[in-house]
């Protein structure tokens, strides 16, 4: 079976008009039922709002994985990998993955969050060398002096030099989302200086339009497949 890329956006957990206390209680209940103990332990160290966002994103990722693999949610065990910390059931950060029936599940996953939204990417039946990364950004977060100098290559700084206002912020966000997606794909993350990674024309890295991602138009996203 050929590899297939799936991208899915999940809206914010907190919805205006929603019974937030009841929704939070249901989320906590479902998380205790379906997430692994190390994930729950990490969540317990967080304040209420970030904890809920974390749990909702992890639940969404696990549900997508189970759906694509055709298994029950409770059949999966999280197995993250980090270049610095290694991999295993006790690792709760880095590149996501799951174990199924004692073996790594045949699925690549990547997750990103912005403004309450969760963006998930998955690749079914990946080849042995394939990698995946996805990122979503809120352009308004990049409205500060000095961003270009610490985040962009010379060519990228030239590409946004003529932009102003919202166009400049979206231009920055487009490049930053591409960088984050690429560095997630390689597993380096921000251990590699972002101003050394040129993503203007990098093969395998592309923007995700709202029609492709399911995200609102005020967010910017990218995916990297290598």
Protein backbone atom coordinates (compact mmCIF):
# COMPACT_ATOMS: atom_id res chain seq x y z
CA UNK A 1 0.00 0.00 0.00
CA UNK A 2 1.36 3.44 -0.93
CA UNK A 3 2.04 6.03 1.75
CA UNK A 4 -0.72 8.57 2.31
CA UNK A 5 -0.41 11.97 3.98
CA UNK A 6 -3.35 12.98 6.19
CA UNK A 7 -3.68 16.48 7.68
CA UNK A 8 -6.37 17.33 10.23
CA UNK A 9 -7.12 20.48 12.23
CA UNK A 10 -8.91 20.30 15.59
CA UNK A 11 -10.63 23.47 16.88
CA UNK A 12 -9.93 24.99 20.29
CA UNK A 13 -11.05 22.98 23.27
CA UNK A 14 -12.76 25.96 24.88
CA UNK A 15 -15.76 27.11 22.81
CA UNK A 16 -17.82 30.23 23.70
CA UNK A 17 -21.15 29.23 25.19
CA UNK A 18 -19.91 25.76 26.09
CA UNK A 19 -20.27 24.41 29.63
CA UNK A 20 -16.51 24.66 30.25
CA UNK A 21 -16.55 22.87 33.61
CA UNK A 22 -18.43 19.90 32.19
CA UNK A 23 -16.23 19.78 29.07
CA UNK A 24 -13.08 19.88 31.22
CA UNK A 25 -14.38 17.07 33.42
CA UNK A 26 -15.17 14.92 30.37
CA UNK A 27 -11.71 15.61 28.92
CA UNK A 28 -10.00 14.63 32.17
CA UNK A 29 -12.11 11.46 32.35
CA UNK A 30 -11.29 10.44 28.77
CA UNK A 31 -7.60 11.23 29.27
CA UNK A 32 -7.41 8.99 32.35
CA UNK A 33 -9.01 6.22 30.32
CA UNK A 34 -6.97 6.43 27.13
CA UNK A 35 -3.66 8.24 27.71
CA UNK A 36 -0.58 6.57 29.17
CA UNK A 37 0.64 7.22 32.75
CA UNK A 38 3.72 9.26 31.68
CA UNK A 39 1.49 11.57 29.62
CA UNK A 40 -0.88 12.03 32.55
CA UNK A 41 2.03 12.68 34.90
CA UNK A 42 3.32 15.42 32.60
CA UNK A 43 -0.14 16.97 32.42
CA UNK A 44 -0.49 17.04 36.22
CA UNK A 45 2.47 19.43 36.44
CA UNK A 46 0.67 22.03 34.28
CA UNK A 47 -1.77 24.79 35.14
CA UNK A 48 -5.41 24.17 34.21
CA UNK A 49 -5.58 25.83 30.77
CA UNK A 50 -2.30 24.47 29.34
CA UNK A 51 -3.13 21.07 30.83
CA UNK A 52 -6.47 20.98 29.03
CA UNK A 53 -4.86 22.05 25.75
CA UNK A 54 -2.18 19.37 26.17
CA UNK A 55 -4.68 16.62 26.97
CA UNK A 56 -7.02 17.60 24.13
CA UNK A 57 -4.16 17.57 21.63
CA UNK A 58 -2.83 14.19 22.84
CA UNK A 59 -6.32 12.71 22.72
CA UNK A 60 -6.86 14.03 19.18
CA UNK A 61 -3.56 12.58 18.03
CA UNK A 62 -4.28 9.18 19.57
CA UNK A 63 -7.78 9.10 18.07
CA UNK A 64 -6.39 9.90 14.62
CA UNK A 65 -3.72 7.22 14.94
CA UNK A 66 -6.27 4.61 15.99
CA UNK A 67 -8.58 5.62 13.14
CA UNK A 68 -5.85 5.35 10.49
CA UNK A 69 -4.54 2.05 11.86
CA UNK A 70 -8.00 0.57 12.26
CA UNK A 71 -7.47 -0.33 15.92
CA UNK A 72 -8.92 0.65 19.28
CA UNK A 73 -7.51 3.70 21.04
CA UNK A 74 -6.59 1.57 24.06
CA UNK A 75 -4.51 -0.74 21.84
CA UNK A 76 -1.88 1.98 21.40
CA UNK A 77 1.00 2.86 23.72
CA UNK A 78 2.78 6.18 23.21
CA UNK A 79 6.46 5.99 22.31
CA UNK A 80 8.15 9.35 21.75
CA UNK A 81 11.74 9.79 20.61
CA UNK A 82 14.07 12.68 21.42
CA UNK A 83 17.64 13.08 20.05
CA UNK A 84 18.85 14.10 23.52
CA UNK A 85 16.72 11.90 25.79
CA UNK A 86 16.27 8.77 23.68
CA UNK A 87 13.00 6.91 23.20
CA UNK A 88 10.65 4.75 25.19
CA UNK A 89 7.38 4.76 27.11
CA UNK A 90 8.71 7.20 29.72
CA UNK A 91 9.54 9.89 27.11
CA UNK A 92 6.64 12.30 26.55
CA UNK A 93 8.23 14.82 24.18
CA UNK A 94 9.95 14.84 20.81
CA UNK A 95 8.82 12.91 17.75
CA UNK A 96 5.50 11.14 18.43
CA UNK A 97 4.83 7.51 17.74
CA UNK A 98 2.93 4.53 19.09
CA UNK A 99 3.55 0.89 19.83
CA UNK A 100 0.98 -1.65 18.63
CA UNK A 101 1.11 -5.32 19.58
CA UNK A 102 4.65 -4.88 20.85
CA UNK A 103 6.02 -3.29 17.67
CA UNK A 104 6.21 0.28 16.34
CA UNK A 105 2.95 1.19 14.62
CA UNK A 106 3.39 1.78 10.85
CA UNK A 107 2.53 5.45 11.08
CA UNK A 108 4.41 8.76 11.12
CA UNK A 109 2.92 11.57 13.19
CA UNK A 110 3.51 15.26 13.87
CA UNK A 111 1.56 17.77 15.95
CA UNK A 112 1.53 21.54 16.37
CA UNK A 113 -0.66 24.03 18.27
CA UNK A 114 -1.49 27.72 17.93
CA UNK A 115 -4.32 29.91 19.30
CA UNK A 116 -6.00 26.85 20.77
CA UNK A 117 -6.00 24.98 17.44
CA UNK A 118 -4.25 21.63 17.05
CA UNK A 119 -2.84 20.66 13.68
CA UNK A 120 -2.12 16.97 13.13
CA UNK A 121 -0.25 15.33 10.27
CA UNK A 122 0.07 11.59 9.72
CA UNK A 123 1.60 9.38 7.08
CA UNK A 124 0.31 5.84 6.74
CA UNK A 125 2.55 2.97 5.64
CA UNK A 126 5.71 5.12 5.58
CA UNK A 127 8.89 3.92 3.92
CA UNK A 128 11.86 3.02 6.15
CA UNK A 129 13.57 6.39 5.62
CA UNK A 130 10.54 8.67 5.46
CA UNK A 131 10.11 11.50 7.96
CA UNK A 132 7.33 14.00 8.69
CA UNK A 133 6.93 17.39 10.34
CA UNK A 134 4.08 19.91 10.58
CA UNK A 135 3.73 23.35 12.13
CA UNK A 136 1.07 26.02 12.60
CA UNK A 137 1.81 29.62 13.55
CA UNK A 138 -0.11 32.69 14.65
CA UNK A 139 1.44 35.62 12.69
CA UNK A 140 0.62 38.06 15.49
CA UNK A 141 3.14 36.31 17.75
CA UNK A 142 5.96 37.41 15.44
CA UNK A 143 5.34 41.13 15.79
CA UNK A 144 8.59 42.10 17.52
CA UNK A 145 11.88 43.71 16.56
CA UNK A 146 14.83 41.43 15.98
CA UNK A 147 12.89 38.42 14.69
CA UNK A 148 14.40 38.53 11.21
CA UNK A 149 17.97 38.71 12.53
CA UNK A 150 17.70 35.65 14.78
CA UNK A 151 15.32 33.50 12.72
CA UNK A 152 15.88 34.11 8.99
CA UNK A 153 18.70 33.52 6.54
CA UNK A 154 20.03 36.37 4.42
CA UNK A 155 17.91 35.30 1.44
CA UNK A 156 14.79 35.03 3.63
CA UNK A 157 15.36 38.47 5.12
CA UNK A 158 15.56 39.86 1.59
CA UNK A 159 12.31 38.06 0.69
CA UNK A 160 10.35 39.86 3.42
CA UNK A 161 12.24 43.18 3.31
CA UNK A 162 9.59 44.92 1.17
CA UNK A 163 6.64 43.75 3.31
CA UNK A 164 4.86 45.81 5.97
CA UNK A 165 2.12 45.37 8.55
CA UNK A 166 0.08 42.19 8.37
CA UNK A 167 1.82 41.13 5.14
CA UNK A 168 5.17 41.19 6.94
CA UNK A 169 3.82 39.15 9.86
CA UNK A 170 2.33 36.55 7.52
CA UNK A 171 5.57 36.43 5.56
CA UNK A 172 7.52 35.80 8.74
CA UNK A 173 4.99 33.20 9.92
CA UNK A 174 5.14 31.37 6.59
CA UNK A 175 8.92 31.04 6.84
CA UNK A 176 8.87 30.14 10.53
CA UNK A 177 6.21 27.45 10.02
CA UNK A 178 8.33 25.98 7.23
CA UNK A 179 11.42 25.97 9.45
CA UNK A 180 9.61 24.37 12.39
CA UNK A 181 8.08 21.71 10.13
CA UNK A 182 11.46 20.94 8.58
CA UNK A 183 13.30 20.78 11.91
CA UNK A 184 10.59 18.54 13.38
CA UNK A 185 10.95 16.30 10.34
CA UNK A 186 14.72 15.97 10.81
CA UNK A 187 14.33 15.57 14.57
CA UNK A 188 16.74 18.46 15.27
CA UNK A 189 14.18 20.94 16.54
CA UNK A 190 15.64 24.24 17.68
CA UNK A 191 18.92 22.58 18.63
CA UNK A 192 19.85 23.72 15.12
CA UNK A 193 20.04 27.49 14.69
CA UNK A 194 16.99 28.49 12.61
CA UNK A 195 18.86 31.32 10.86
CA UNK A 196 21.03 28.65 9.20
CA UNK A 197 18.07 26.78 7.66
CA UNK A 198 16.85 28.25 4.37
CA UNK A 199 13.31 27.15 3.52
CA UNK A 200 12.43 29.43 0.61
CA UNK A 201 12.79 26.65 -1.94
CA UNK A 202 13.65 23.60 0.17
CA UNK A 203 12.41 20.34 -1.40
CA UNK A 204 9.76 18.52 0.57
CA UNK A 205 8.60 21.61 2.49
CA UNK A 206 5.38 23.31 1.45
CA UNK A 207 2.74 25.67 2.77
CA UNK A 208 -0.67 24.35 3.81
CA UNK A 209 -3.56 26.50 2.60
CA UNK A 210 -6.66 26.70 4.85
CA UNK A 211 -8.52 24.49 2.38
CA UNK A 212 -5.85 21.79 2.86
CA UNK A 213 -5.36 22.13 6.60
CA UNK A 214 -8.84 22.99 7.89
CA UNK A 215 -7.36 25.90 9.87
CA UNK A 216 -8.83 29.42 9.97
CA UNK A 217 -7.35 31.93 7.53
CA UNK A 218 -5.60 33.95 10.26
CA UNK A 219 -3.19 31.05 10.94
CA UNK A 220 -0.29 29.90 8.77
CA UNK A 221 0.86 26.28 8.42
CA UNK A 222 3.42 24.15 6.64
CA UNK A 223 4.31 20.48 6.27
CA UNK A 224 7.62 18.80 5.56
CA UNK A 225 8.01 15.28 4.15
CA UNK A 226 11.42 13.78 3.54
